[in-house]
Amino acid sequence: MTLLERLLGKAGKGTVEPSSAHDPNPHRSAVVRQAAAILLGYPDDALLTMLPAVRAALVEVEAAGPEFDELAEWLTARSLDDVQADYVQEFDLSRRHSLHLTYWTDGDTRRRGEALSAFKEVYRSHGADFDETELPDYLPLVLEFAVRVSPEDGFELLQRYRPSLELLRLALRDDHLPYLGVVSLVCSTLPGASPDDKQSVMAMAGYEPPTETVGLAPFDPRLLPVSEAGTAPRSVLATGGRNDQ
């Protein structure tokens, strides 16, 4: 039994059972995940300064395409205040693009609190703590954990919540947001191809048609179980009790 399975139990509807698939290119996966952790974070002067280095790293592992240039232009073509306002609108105020993995599966139910506690325990079992200005299922944090602390448990978290990643990817695609390429790259580090539509994601998550819409308002993009009701720093991980900026 893996650590995540002991803390969260077997994967249920909304999540998938992580496979033991061998990563054919772990270096590429690590670079992509670290780059995504940076690019998906709150845009500030430090992030803009890092863009050339991030692009160079992605080029080195053959993962930099026109999508990166589109995002870089979106981040730099206007005033930083305007960029930050748009980021807050799209990722903090709009639930269509939540960067919190368990939001997609559990919403604001009690089960989500249990899942968040399990995320914390996974981090702490490796001697890692985090800045609690963000919830532990915050995607940049999970990606950073997968790179800097435990590739194995980080992979398992990302794979278990693959449906959340794919729904985020599809929402970014449908809304024509330049972050699509970043999330698509993260999905490419996991086994198998990305689904083409929401119905395929729902099937991946254990729902069979037509139940993918049962119990959900038509504007709700989440994978809520049918039975259920109703500014980050560059590094949010700390190891050994100190901030590793």
Protein backbone atom coordinates (compact mmCIF):
# COMPACT_ATOMS: atom_id res chain seq x y z
CA MET A 1 0.00 0.00 0.00
CA THR A 2 1.41 3.37 -1.00
CA LEU A 3 1.53 6.36 1.34
CA LEU A 4 -1.19 8.17 -0.61
CA GLU A 5 -3.45 5.12 -0.59
CA ARG A 6 -3.00 4.78 3.17
CA LEU A 7 -3.96 8.43 3.69
CA LEU A 8 -6.67 8.82 1.05
CA GLY A 9 -7.83 5.25 0.54
CA LYS A 10 -8.44 3.72 -2.87
CA ALA A 11 -9.16 6.13 -5.67
CA GLY A 12 -12.88 6.75 -5.92
CA LYS A 13 -15.05 8.50 -8.47
CA GLY A 14 -13.50 11.74 -9.61
CA THR A 15 -9.96 10.38 -9.34
CA VAL A 16 -7.99 7.56 -10.96
CA GLU A 17 -5.87 4.80 -9.49
CA PRO A 18 -2.23 5.77 -10.10
CA SER A 19 -0.36 3.39 -12.36
CA SER A 20 3.17 2.17 -11.83
CA ALA A 21 4.10 3.17 -15.38
CA HIS A 22 7.79 3.85 -15.92
CA ASP A 23 8.57 7.44 -16.91
CA PRO A 24 10.65 7.18 -20.11
CA ASN A 25 12.08 10.69 -19.63
CA PRO A 26 12.16 11.70 -15.95
CA HIS A 27 14.46 14.66 -16.65
CA ARG A 28 11.96 16.16 -19.10
CA SER A 29 9.13 15.57 -16.63
CA ALA A 30 11.05 17.30 -13.85
CA VAL A 31 11.88 20.32 -16.03
CA VAL A 32 8.30 20.62 -17.28
CA ARG A 33 6.86 20.38 -13.77
CA GLN A 34 9.27 22.95 -12.35
CA ALA A 35 8.62 25.31 -15.25
CA ALA A 36 4.86 24.90 -14.80
CA ALA A 37 5.13 25.52 -11.05
CA ILE A 38 6.73 28.87 -11.85
CA LEU A 39 4.53 29.86 -14.79
CA LEU A 40 1.24 29.02 -13.05
CA GLY A 41 2.13 31.08 -10.00
CA TYR A 42 0.99 34.61 -9.30
CA PRO A 43 2.72 36.86 -11.86
CA ASP A 44 5.21 39.26 -10.29
CA ASP A 45 8.55 40.84 -11.17
CA ALA A 46 10.44 37.71 -10.10
CA LEU A 47 8.41 35.51 -12.46
CA LEU A 48 8.94 37.89 -15.38
CA THR A 49 12.68 37.92 -14.71
CA MET A 50 12.74 34.13 -14.81
CA LEU A 51 11.00 33.78 -18.20
CA PRO A 52 14.20 33.55 -20.31
CA ALA A 53 15.67 30.88 -18.01
CA VAL A 54 12.41 28.92 -18.01
CA ARG A 55 12.25 29.04 -21.80
CA ALA A 56 15.87 27.90 -22.09
CA ALA A 57 15.20 24.94 -19.80
CA LEU A 58 12.13 23.92 -21.80
CA VAL A 59 14.07 24.23 -25.07
CA GLU A 60 16.76 21.95 -23.65
CA VAL A 61 14.23 19.16 -23.10
CA GLU A 62 12.38 19.92 -26.36
CA ALA A 63 9.26 21.07 -24.55
CA ALA A 64 9.15 24.74 -25.60
CA GLY A 65 6.64 25.48 -28.35
CA PRO A 66 4.71 28.50 -29.58
CA GLU A 67 2.43 28.12 -26.55
CA PHE A 68 5.24 29.32 -24.29
CA ASP A 69 5.83 32.40 -26.44
CA GLU A 70 2.09 33.15 -26.37
CA LEU A 71 2.05 33.03 -22.59
CA ALA A 72 5.27 35.05 -22.31
CA GLU A 73 3.74 37.75 -24.51
CA TRP A 74 0.54 37.72 -22.42
CA LEU A 75 2.65 38.23 -19.30
CA THR A 76 4.87 41.00 -20.67
CA ALA A 77 2.93 42.97 -23.30
CA ARG A 78 0.92 44.95 -20.73
CA SER A 79 1.49 46.55 -17.38
CA LEU A 80 2.11 44.10 -14.55
CA ASP A 81 -0.90 45.49 -12.69
CA ASP A 82 -3.17 44.55 -15.60
CA VAL A 83 -1.62 41.08 -15.85
CA GLN A 84 -2.09 40.48 -12.13
CA ALA A 85 -5.70 41.66 -12.26
CA ASP A 86 -6.44 39.25 -15.10
CA TYR A 87 -4.69 36.39 -13.29
CA VAL A 88 -6.76 36.97 -10.15
CA GLN A 89 -9.94 37.12 -12.22
CA GLU A 90 -9.21 33.88 -14.07
CA PHE A 91 -7.68 31.75 -11.31
CA ASP A 92 -8.89 33.16 -7.99
CA LEU A 93 -12.33 34.58 -8.69
CA SER A 94 -13.48 32.21 -11.45
CA ARG A 95 -14.14 28.65 -10.40
CA ARG A 96 -13.84 27.57 -14.04
CA HIS A 97 -10.03 27.57 -13.79
CA SER A 98 -9.31 26.55 -10.23
CA LEU A 99 -5.68 25.59 -9.58
CA HIS A 100 -6.75 23.54 -6.55
CA LEU A 101 -6.95 19.88 -7.48
CA THR A 102 -9.48 18.75 -4.87
CA TYR A 103 -11.88 21.58 -5.73
CA TRP A 104 -12.72 19.72 -8.93
CA THR A 105 -13.49 16.48 -7.09
CA ASP A 106 -14.97 17.60 -3.77
CA GLY A 107 -16.01 21.24 -4.01
CA ASP A 108 -16.49 22.69 -0.55
CA THR A 109 -17.65 19.46 1.11
CA ARG A 110 -16.24 17.87 4.25
CA ARG A 111 -14.58 15.24 2.11
CA ARG A 112 -12.39 17.95 0.64
CA GLY A 113 -11.11 18.84 4.09
CA GLU A 114 -10.07 15.23 4.59
CA ALA A 115 -8.28 15.22 1.23
CA LEU A 116 -6.45 18.46 2.06
CA SER A 117 -5.30 16.98 5.36
CA ALA A 118 -3.97 13.96 3.48
CA PHE A 119 -1.99 16.23 1.14
CA LYS A 120 -0.40 17.85 4.18
CA GLU A 121 0.50 14.48 5.64
CA VAL A 122 2.13 13.41 2.37
CA TYR A 123 4.35 16.51 2.46
CA ARG A 124 5.18 16.19 6.15
CA SER A 125 6.04 12.50 5.81
CA HIS A 126 8.95 13.68 3.65
CA GLY A 127 10.03 16.36 6.10
CA ALA A 128 8.56 19.11 3.94
CA ASP A 129 6.29 21.89 5.11
CA PHE A 130 4.66 24.66 3.13
CA ASP A 131 3.62 28.28 3.35
CA GLU A 132 -0.02 28.11 4.45
CA THR A 133 -0.96 31.13 2.36
CA GLU A 134 -1.90 28.41 -0.15
CA LEU A 135 -3.90 25.22 0.30
CA PRO A 136 -1.84 22.03 -0.04
CA ASP A 137 -3.62 20.96 -3.25
CA TYR A 138 -2.53 24.14 -5.07
CA LEU A 139 -1.15 22.88 -8.39
CA PRO A 140 2.15 24.85 -8.39
CA LEU A 141 2.83 23.48 -4.90
CA VAL A 142 2.09 19.90 -5.93
CA LEU A 143 4.35 20.29 -8.97
CA GLU A 144 7.17 21.71 -6.86
CA PHE A 145 6.81 18.83 -4.41
CA ALA A 146 7.04 16.36 -7.30
CA VAL A 147 10.29 17.97 -8.47
CA ARG A 148 12.11 18.93 -5.30
CA VAL A 149 10.94 16.45 -2.68
CA SER A 150 9.43 13.18 -3.93
CA PRO A 151 9.01 12.42 -7.65
CA GLU A 152 7.26 9.15 -6.74
CA ASP A 153 4.59 10.55 -4.41
CA GLY A 154 4.34 13.72 -6.50
CA PHE A 155 3.61 11.61 -9.57
CA GLU A 156 1.00 9.67 -7.62
CA LEU A 157 -0.76 12.86 -6.52
CA LEU A 158 -0.79 14.23 -10.07
CA GLN A 159 -1.94 10.94 -11.55
CA ARG A 160 -4.68 10.39 -8.96
CA TYR A 161 -6.01 13.87 -9.72
CA ARG A 162 -5.46 13.58 -13.48
CA PRO A 163 -9.18 14.25 -14.16
CA SER A 164 -8.87 17.59 -12.31
CA LEU A 165 -5.88 18.52 -14.48
CA GLU A 166 -7.73 17.56 -17.64
CA LEU A 167 -10.85 19.54 -16.75
CA LEU A 168 -8.65 22.55 -16.03
CA ARG A 169 -6.93 22.04 -19.40
CA LEU A 170 -10.25 21.85 -21.24
CA ALA A 171 -11.58 24.96 -19.49
CA LEU A 172 -8.45 26.91 -20.46
CA ARG A 173 -8.84 25.66 -24.03
CA ASP A 174 -12.51 26.61 -24.24
CA ASP A 175 -11.84 30.07 -22.83
CA HIS A 176 -8.81 30.65 -25.08
CA LEU A 177 -6.43 31.39 -22.23
CA PRO A 178 -2.64 31.27 -22.84
CA TYR A 179 -2.04 29.01 -19.83
CA LEU A 180 -3.40 26.08 -21.84
CA GLY A 181 0.04 25.11 -23.10
CA VAL A 182 1.49 24.93 -19.59
CA VAL A 183 -1.21 22.61 -18.25
CA SER A 184 -1.03 20.51 -21.43
CA LEU A 185 2.69 20.03 -20.82
CA VAL A 186 2.02 18.88 -17.26
CA CYS A 187 -0.50 16.34 -18.57
CA SER A 188 2.11 15.12 -21.06
CA THR A 189 4.32 13.99 -18.15
CA LEU A 190 1.63 11.48 -17.09
CA PRO A 191 0.79 8.14 -18.73
CA GLY A 192 -1.59 8.08 -21.68
CA ALA A 193 -3.03 10.71 -23.97
CA SER A 194 -5.22 13.55 -22.74
CA PRO A 195 -8.97 13.13 -23.33
CA ASP A 196 -10.53 15.24 -26.07
CA ASP A 197 -13.65 16.33 -24.20
CA LYS A 198 -15.33 16.48 -20.81
CA GLN A 199 -17.31 13.29 -21.38
CA SER A 200 -14.04 11.39 -21.85
CA VAL A 201 -12.64 12.93 -18.67
CA MET A 202 -15.75 11.87 -16.77
CA ALA A 203 -15.28 8.32 -18.03
CA MET A 204 -11.62 8.45 -16.91
CA ALA A 205 -12.85 9.55 -13.50
CA GLY A 206 -15.22 6.60 -13.12
CA TYR A 207 -18.48 8.11 -14.32
CA GLU A 208 -20.42 6.52 -17.16
CA PRO A 209 -22.83 8.39 -19.45
CA PRO A 210 -25.29 9.85 -18.82
CA THR A 211 -24.42 10.29 -15.14
CA GLU A 212 -21.68 12.83 -15.80
CA THR A 213 -24.26 15.61 -15.46
CA VAL A 214 -26.43 14.16 -12.69
CA GLY A 215 -26.50 16.39 -9.65
CA LEU A 216 -24.48 19.14 -11.30
CA ALA A 217 -25.70 22.55 -12.31
CA PRO A 218 -25.06 23.02 -16.04
CA PHE A 219 -22.50 25.76 -15.32
CA ASP A 220 -20.52 23.67 -12.81
CA PRO A 221 -17.38 22.17 -14.39
CA ARG A 222 -16.46 19.97 -11.44
CA LEU A 223 -16.36 16.22 -10.93
CA LEU A 224 -18.41 16.34 -7.73
CA PRO A 225 -19.56 12.92 -6.54
CA VAL A 226 -23.24 12.39 -7.23
CA SER A 227 -23.82 11.56 -3.56
CA GLU A 228 -22.36 14.83 -2.23
CA ALA A 229 -24.35 17.96 -1.40
CA GLY A 230 -24.20 20.97 -2.10
CA THR A 231 -0.38 36.11 -3.83
CA ALA A 232 1.96 33.02 -3.62
CA PRO A 233 5.75 33.17 -3.13
CA ARG A 234 8.01 31.59 -5.73
CA SER A 235 8.68 28.62 -3.46
CA VAL A 236 6.02 27.49 -1.04
CA LEU A 237 7.83 24.43 0.20
CA ALA A 238 10.23 24.31 3.09
CA THR A 239 12.35 21.32 4.04
CA GLY A 240 13.80 20.69 7.45
CA GLY A 241 11.81 23.50 9.00
CA ARG A 242 13.25 26.40 7.00
CA ASN A 243 12.09 28.28 3.92
CA ASP A 244 14.02 27.16 0.85
CA GLN A 245 13.55 30.12 -1.41
